C-alpha atoms as a PDB file:
ATOM      1  CA  MET A   1     -12.237  -9.052  -7.492  1.00  0.00           C
ATOM      2  CA  ILE A   2     -14.036  -7.547  -4.528  1.00  0.00           C
ATOM      3  CA  SER A   3     -17.453  -8.892  -3.616  1.00  0.00           C
ATOM      4  CA  GLY A   4     -20.012  -6.439  -5.027  1.00  0.00           C
ATOM      5  CA  GLU A   5     -17.329  -4.513  -6.895  1.00  0.00           C
ATOM      6  CA  LYS A   6     -19.699  -3.226  -9.563  1.00  0.00           C
ATOM      7  CA  THR A   7     -21.707  -1.450  -6.849  1.00  0.00           C
ATOM      8  CA  ILE A   8     -18.510  -0.125  -5.291  1.00  0.00           C
ATOM      9  CA  LEU A   9     -17.451   1.251  -8.692  1.00  0.00           C
ATOM     10  CA  GLU A  10     -20.792   3.016  -9.045  1.00  0.00           C
ATOM     11  CA  ARG A  11     -20.222   4.607  -5.634  1.00  0.00           C
ATOM     12  CA  VAL A  12     -16.703   5.698  -6.671  1.00  0.00           C
ATOM     13  CA  GLN A  13     -18.203   7.368  -9.729  1.00  0.00           C
ATOM     14  CA  ARG A  14     -20.508   9.348  -7.436  1.00  0.00           C
ATOM     15  CA  GLY A  15     -17.464  10.566  -5.464  1.00  0.00           C
ATOM     16  CA  ASP A  16     -17.692   8.159  -2.507  1.00  0.00           C
ATOM     17  CA  ALA A  17     -14.250   8.237  -0.858  1.00  0.00           C
ATOM     18  CA  GLU A  18     -14.925   5.112   1.230  1.00  0.00           C
ATOM     19  CA  ALA A  19     -15.672   3.131  -1.913  1.00  0.00           C
ATOM     20  CA  PHE A  20     -12.454   4.466  -3.447  1.00  0.00           C
ATOM     21  CA  GLU A  21     -10.592   3.289  -0.340  1.00  0.00           C
ATOM     22  CA  GLN A  22     -11.984  -0.228  -0.849  1.00  0.00           C
ATOM     23  CA  ILE A  23     -10.732  -0.267  -4.435  1.00  0.00           C
ATOM     24  CA  TYR A  24      -7.367   1.106  -3.318  1.00  0.00           C
ATOM     25  CA  ASN A  25      -6.917  -1.469  -0.548  1.00  0.00           C
ATOM     26  CA  SER A  26      -7.879  -4.321  -2.861  1.00  0.00           C
ATOM     27  CA  TYR A  27      -5.527  -3.446  -5.721  1.00  0.00           C
ATOM     28  CA  VAL A  28      -2.603  -1.405  -4.363  1.00  0.00           C
ATOM     29  CA  SER A  29      -0.284  -4.393  -3.915  1.00  0.00           C
ATOM     30  CA  LYS A  30      -1.006  -5.613  -7.471  1.00  0.00           C
ATOM     31  CA  MET A  31      -0.304  -2.187  -8.966  1.00  0.00           C
ATOM     32  CA  PHE A  32       2.918  -1.886  -6.970  1.00  0.00           C
ATOM     33  CA  ARG A  33       4.068  -5.382  -7.977  1.00  0.00           C
ATOM     34  CA  PHE A  34       3.308  -4.729 -11.646  1.00  0.00           C
ATOM     35  CA  ALA A  35       5.224  -1.436 -11.629  1.00  0.00           C
ATOM     36  CA  PHE A  36       8.112  -2.861  -9.631  1.00  0.00           C
ATOM     37  CA  LEU A  37       8.584  -5.816 -11.954  1.00  0.00           C
ATOM     38  CA  LYS A  38       8.562  -3.511 -14.977  1.00  0.00           C
ATOM     39  CA  ILE A  39      10.836  -0.802 -13.513  1.00  0.00           C
ATOM     40  CA  GLY A  40      12.868  -2.446 -10.769  1.00  0.00           C
ATOM     41  CA  ASP A  41      12.917   0.550  -8.447  1.00  0.00           C
ATOM     42  CA  LYS A  42      10.837   0.430  -5.267  1.00  0.00           C
ATOM     43  CA  GLU A  43      10.280   4.181  -4.885  1.00  0.00           C
ATOM     44  CA  THR A  44       9.345   4.679  -8.523  1.00  0.00           C
ATOM     45  CA  ALA A  45       7.003   1.679  -8.355  1.00  0.00           C
ATOM     46  CA  GLU A  46       5.322   3.211  -5.286  1.00  0.00           C
ATOM     47  CA  ASP A  47       4.973   6.523  -7.154  1.00  0.00           C
ATOM     48  CA  ILE A  48       3.449   4.805 -10.161  1.00  0.00           C
ATOM     49  CA  ALA A  49       1.045   2.800  -7.981  1.00  0.00           C
ATOM     50  CA  SER A  50      -0.072   6.009  -6.222  1.00  0.00           C
ATOM     51  CA  GLU A  51      -0.401   7.910  -9.480  1.00  0.00           C
ATOM     52  CA  THR A  52      -2.446   5.027 -10.907  1.00  0.00           C
ATOM     53  CA  PHE A  53      -5.070   5.450  -8.198  1.00  0.00           C
ATOM     54  CA  MET A  54      -5.133   9.229  -8.527  1.00  0.00           C
ATOM     55  CA  LYS A  55      -5.723   8.985 -12.264  1.00  0.00           C
ATOM     56  CA  PHE A  56      -8.334   6.290 -11.670  1.00  0.00           C
ATOM     57  CA  TRP A  57     -10.166   8.593  -9.202  1.00  0.00           C
ATOM     58  CA  PHE A  58     -10.228  11.474 -11.691  1.00  0.00           C
ATOM     59  CA  TYR A  59     -11.244   9.208 -14.568  1.00  0.00           C
ATOM     60  CA  ALA A  60     -14.082   7.678 -12.533  1.00  0.00           C
ATOM     61  CA  GLN A  61     -15.469  11.126 -11.745  1.00  0.00           C
ATOM     62  CA  LYS A  62     -15.739  12.077 -15.406  1.00  0.00           C
ATOM     63  CA  ASN A  63     -16.412   8.791 -17.228  1.00  0.00           C
ATOM     64  CA  LYS A  64     -18.524   5.684 -16.874  1.00  0.00           C
ATOM     65  CA  ILE A  65     -16.470   2.627 -16.015  1.00  0.00           C
ATOM     66  CA  ASN A  66     -17.783  -0.323 -17.978  1.00  0.00           C
ATOM     67  CA  GLY A  67     -17.309  -3.735 -16.495  1.00  0.00           C
ATOM     68  CA  GLU A  68     -17.597  -5.575 -13.241  1.00  0.00           C
ATOM     69  CA  THR A  69     -14.165  -4.720 -11.836  1.00  0.00           C
ATOM     70  CA  ALA A  70     -11.672  -1.861 -11.624  1.00  0.00           C
ATOM     71  CA  GLU A  71      -8.725  -4.144 -12.340  1.00  0.00           C
ATOM     72  CA  PRO A  72      -8.467  -3.755 -16.143  1.00  0.00           C
ATOM     73  CA  MET A  73      -8.728   0.035 -15.899  1.00  0.00           C
ATOM     74  CA  LEU A  74      -6.087   0.163 -13.141  1.00  0.00           C
ATOM     75  CA  TYR A  75      -3.675  -1.982 -15.158  1.00  0.00           C
ATOM     76  CA  LYS A  76      -4.221   0.171 -18.264  1.00  0.00           C
ATOM     77  CA  ILE A  77      -3.451   3.308 -16.276  1.00  0.00           C
ATOM     78  CA  ALA A  78      -0.366   1.745 -14.644  1.00  0.00           C
ATOM     79  CA  ARG A  79       0.836   0.439 -18.008  1.00  0.00           C
ATOM     80  CA  ASN A  80       0.517   3.884 -19.575  1.00  0.00           C
ATOM     81  CA  LEU A  81       2.329   5.504 -16.639  1.00  0.00           C
ATOM     82  CA  ILE A  82       5.189   3.036 -17.031  1.00  0.00           C
ATOM     83  CA  ILE A  83       5.379   3.801 -20.756  1.00  0.00           C
ATOM     84  CA  ASP A  84       5.396   7.524 -19.931  1.00  0.00           C
ATOM     85  CA  PHE A  85       8.076   6.954 -17.294  1.00  0.00           C
ATOM     86  CA  TYR A  86      10.385   5.366 -19.816  1.00  0.00           C
ATOM     87  CA  ARG A  87       9.658   8.124 -22.311  1.00  0.00           C
ATOM     88  CA  LYS A  88      10.278  10.964 -19.876  1.00  0.00           C
ATOM     89  CA  LYS A  89      12.259   9.234 -17.113  1.00  0.00           C
ATOM     90  CA  GLU A  90      10.170  11.160 -14.635  1.00  0.00           C
ATOM     91  CA  LEU A  91       6.618  11.239 -13.329  1.00  0.00           C
ATOM     92  CA  VAL A  92       4.363  14.240 -13.408  1.00  0.00           C
ATOM     93  CA  THR A  93       2.516  14.229 -10.109  1.00  0.00           C
ATOM     94  CA  THR A  94      -1.233  14.722 -10.125  1.00  0.00           C
ATOM     95  CA  TYR A  95      -2.627  16.463  -7.081  1.00  0.00           C
ATOM     96  CA  ILE A  96      -5.864  15.323  -5.488  1.00  0.00           C
ATOM     97  CA  ASP A  97      -8.239  16.884  -3.042  1.00  0.00           C
ATOM     98  CA  GLU A  98      -6.910  16.497   0.528  1.00  0.00           C
ATOM     99  CA  ASP A  99     -10.296  15.229   1.725  1.00  0.00           C
ATOM    100  CA  ILE A 100      -9.894  12.201  -0.513  1.00  0.00           C
ATOM    101  CA  MET A 101      -6.288  11.609   0.533  1.00  0.00           C
ATOM    102  CA  ASP A 102      -7.285  11.662   4.204  1.00  0.00           C
ATOM    103  CA  THR A 103      -9.611   8.713   3.636  1.00  0.00           C
ATOM    104  CA  VAL A 104      -6.999   6.568   1.890  1.00  0.00           C
ATOM    105  CA  PRO A 105      -4.806   4.876   4.472  1.00  0.00           C
ATOM    106  CA  ASP A 106      -1.070   5.044   4.030  1.00  0.00           C
ATOM    107  CA  VAL A 107      -0.865   1.287   3.768  1.00  0.00           C
ATOM    108  CA  LYS A 108       2.206   0.050   1.989  1.00  0.00           C
ATOM    109  CA  SER A 109       1.377  -3.504   1.082  1.00  0.00           C
ATOM    110  CA  ASP A 110       5.000  -4.041   0.317  1.00  0.00           C
ATOM    111  CA  PHE A 111       5.315  -6.909  -2.123  1.00  0.00           C
ATOM    112  CA  LEU A 112       8.985  -7.291  -1.294  1.00  0.00           C
ATOM    113  CA  SER A 113       8.431  -7.821   2.416  1.00  0.00           C
ATOM    114  CA  ARG A 114       6.225 -10.792   1.600  1.00  0.00           C
ATOM    115  CA  MET A 115       8.783 -12.473  -0.617  1.00  0.00           C
ATOM    116  CA  ILE A 116      10.444 -15.417   1.082  1.00  0.00           C
ATOM    117  CA  ASN A 117      13.765 -15.069  -0.643  1.00  0.00           C
ATOM    118  CA  GLN A 118      15.097 -11.683  -1.757  1.00  0.00           C
ATOM    119  CA  GLU A 119      17.536 -13.405  -4.096  1.00  0.00           C
ATOM    120  CA  GLU A 120      14.635 -14.893  -6.054  1.00  0.00           C
ATOM    121  CA  VAL A 121      13.230 -11.405  -6.649  1.00  0.00           C
ATOM    122  CA  GLU A 122      16.609 -10.101  -7.759  1.00  0.00           C
ATOM    123  CA  GLU A 123      17.111 -13.062 -10.085  1.00  0.00           C
ATOM    124  CA  MET A 124      13.625 -12.630 -11.568  1.00  0.00           C
ATOM    125  CA  MET A 125      14.313  -8.912 -12.134  1.00  0.00           C
ATOM    126  CA  LEU A 126      17.595  -9.672 -13.907  1.00  0.00           C
ATOM    127  CA  VAL A 127      15.992 -12.295 -16.131  1.00  0.00           C
ATOM    128  CA  LEU A 128      12.993 -10.093 -16.987  1.00  0.00           C
ATOM    129  CA  LYS A 129      15.240  -7.144 -17.880  1.00  0.00           C
ATOM    130  CA  GLU A 130      16.899  -9.287 -20.542  1.00  0.00           C
ATOM    131  CA  LEU A 131      13.573  -9.745 -22.341  1.00  0.00           C
ATOM    132  CA  LYS A 132      11.860  -7.348 -24.728  1.00  0.00           C
ATOM    133  CA  ASP A 133       9.431  -4.979 -22.967  1.00  0.00           C
ATOM    134  CA  GLU A 134       6.492  -6.615 -24.677  1.00  0.00           C
ATOM    135  CA  TYR A 135       7.549 -10.047 -23.381  1.00  0.00           C
ATOM    136  CA  GLN A 136       8.131  -8.694 -19.873  1.00  0.00           C
ATOM    137  CA  GLU A 137       4.622  -7.317 -19.761  1.00  0.00           C
ATOM    138  CA  ILE A 138       3.016 -10.534 -21.010  1.00  0.00           C
ATOM    139  CA  ILE A 139       4.949 -12.687 -18.523  1.00  0.00           C
ATOM    140  CA  ILE A 140       4.054 -10.407 -15.619  1.00  0.00           C
ATOM    141  CA  LEU A 141       0.363 -10.204 -16.506  1.00  0.00           C
ATOM    142  CA  ARG A 142      -0.136 -13.844 -17.525  1.00  0.00           C
ATOM    143  CA  PHE A 143       2.127 -15.704 -15.129  1.00  0.00           C
ATOM    144  CA  VAL A 144       2.911 -13.447 -12.163  1.00  0.00           C
ATOM    145  CA  GLU A 145      -0.529 -11.840 -11.917  1.00  0.00           C
ATOM    146  CA  GLU A 146      -2.168 -15.025 -13.261  1.00  0.00           C
ATOM    147  CA  MET A 147      -4.514 -13.222 -15.642  1.00  0.00           C
ATOM    148  CA  SER A 148      -6.514 -14.901 -18.358  1.00  0.00           C
ATOM    149  CA  ILE A 149      -5.955 -14.238 -22.055  1.00  0.00           C
ATOM    150  CA  GLU A 150      -9.167 -12.174 -22.076  1.00  0.00           C
ATOM    151  CA  GLU A 151      -7.984  -9.979 -19.189  1.00  0.00           C
ATOM    152  CA  VAL A 152      -4.649  -9.345 -20.915  1.00  0.00           C
ATOM    153  CA  VAL A 153      -6.524  -8.503 -24.137  1.00  0.00           C
ATOM    154  CA  GLU A 154      -8.570  -5.913 -22.260  1.00  0.00           C
ATOM    155  CA  ILE A 155      -5.489  -4.332 -20.672  1.00  0.00           C
ATOM    156  CA  THR A 156      -3.178  -4.307 -23.694  1.00  0.00           C
ATOM    157  CA  GLY A 157      -5.712  -3.767 -26.461  1.00  0.00           C
ATOM    158  CA  LYS A 158      -4.171  -6.613 -28.472  1.00  0.00           C
ATOM    159  CA  SER A 159      -6.211  -9.420 -30.031  1.00  0.00           C
ATOM    160  CA  SER A 160      -6.516 -12.726 -28.206  1.00  0.00           C
ATOM    161  CA  GLY A 161      -4.495 -14.404 -30.959  1.00  0.00           C
ATOM    162  CA  SER A 162      -1.711 -11.861 -30.519  1.00  0.00           C
ATOM    163  CA  VAL A 163      -1.683 -12.368 -26.748  1.00  0.00           C
ATOM    164  CA  ARG A 164      -1.468 -16.150 -27.210  1.00  0.00           C
ATOM    165  CA  VAL A 165       1.394 -15.825 -29.693  1.00  0.00           C
ATOM    166  CA  LEU A 166       3.193 -13.298 -27.489  1.00  0.00           C
ATOM    167  CA  SER A 167       2.747 -15.566 -24.460  1.00  0.00           C
ATOM    168  CA  HIS A 168       4.317 -18.453 -26.350  1.00  0.00           C
ATOM    169  CA  ARG A 169       7.194 -16.334 -27.674  1.00  0.00           C
ATOM    170  CA  ALA A 170       7.757 -14.711 -24.273  1.00  0.00           C
ATOM    171  CA  LEU A 171       8.021 -18.109 -22.579  1.00  0.00           C
ATOM    172  CA  LYS A 172      10.440 -19.354 -25.242  1.00  0.00           C
ATOM    173  CA  SER A 173      12.541 -16.223 -24.827  1.00  0.00           C
ATOM    174  CA  LEU A 174      12.441 -16.572 -21.036  1.00  0.00           C
ATOM    175  CA  GLU A 175      13.520 -20.194 -21.307  1.00  0.00           C
ATOM    176  CA  ARG A 176      16.407 -19.213 -23.600  1.00  0.00           C
ATOM    177  CA  VAL A 177      17.581 -16.453 -21.244  1.00  0.00           C
ATOM    178  CA  MET A 178      17.394 -18.769 -18.247  1.00  0.00           C
ATOM    179  CA  ARG A 179      19.420 -21.442 -20.059  1.00  0.00           C
ATOM    180  CA  LEU A 180      22.052 -18.873 -21.021  1.00  0.00           C
ATOM    181  CA  ARG A 181      22.224 -17.604 -17.417  1.00  0.00           C
ATOM    182  CA  GLU A 182      22.491 -21.181 -16.136  1.00  0.00           C
ATOM    183  CA  ASN A 183      25.387 -21.927 -18.481  1.00  0.00           C
ATOM    184  CA  LYS A 184      27.230 -18.795 -17.321  1.00  0.00           C
ATOM    185  CA  ILE A 185      26.766 -19.709 -13.664  1.00  0.00           C
ATOM    186  CA  VAL A 186      27.846 -23.352 -14.017  1.00  0.00           C
END
């Protein structure tokens, strides 16, 4: 969360491009990482991260954003774009005013470049792909992004009990997949 984010969100809702840039810079790497872990393709993840911020900008102009932070809204948008991607296997690009785009730096906070070991990323992707989509999402949000149960509830729209149960089942499934992969390797 950005210091004074509620005020920054209010400025975004009034069309302040600099405030939007602050939100973008604070959350772009998280949106990319979330999309990449769900899809596994760098370019598509970058597209989804970009589209997430464009949709957020348009939403903020028309609707009041309730809450102290943009994070839940950004994750909801990214999650829906990923669902749409799998439904259509393509993204529909939203165009935004060039004045706004000029204020957003072309910063690619590339999650992959910060990973110490590329093999770990590849292994994590392979393991996650063997899980149900619902389990993948819970593991990414709860354990990669380190979100609380309440934050996951807000993003997914599920009850806190459901998120707890899904977290438990997802971890059990992950453990089972990892054991199976270990036995194949050994």
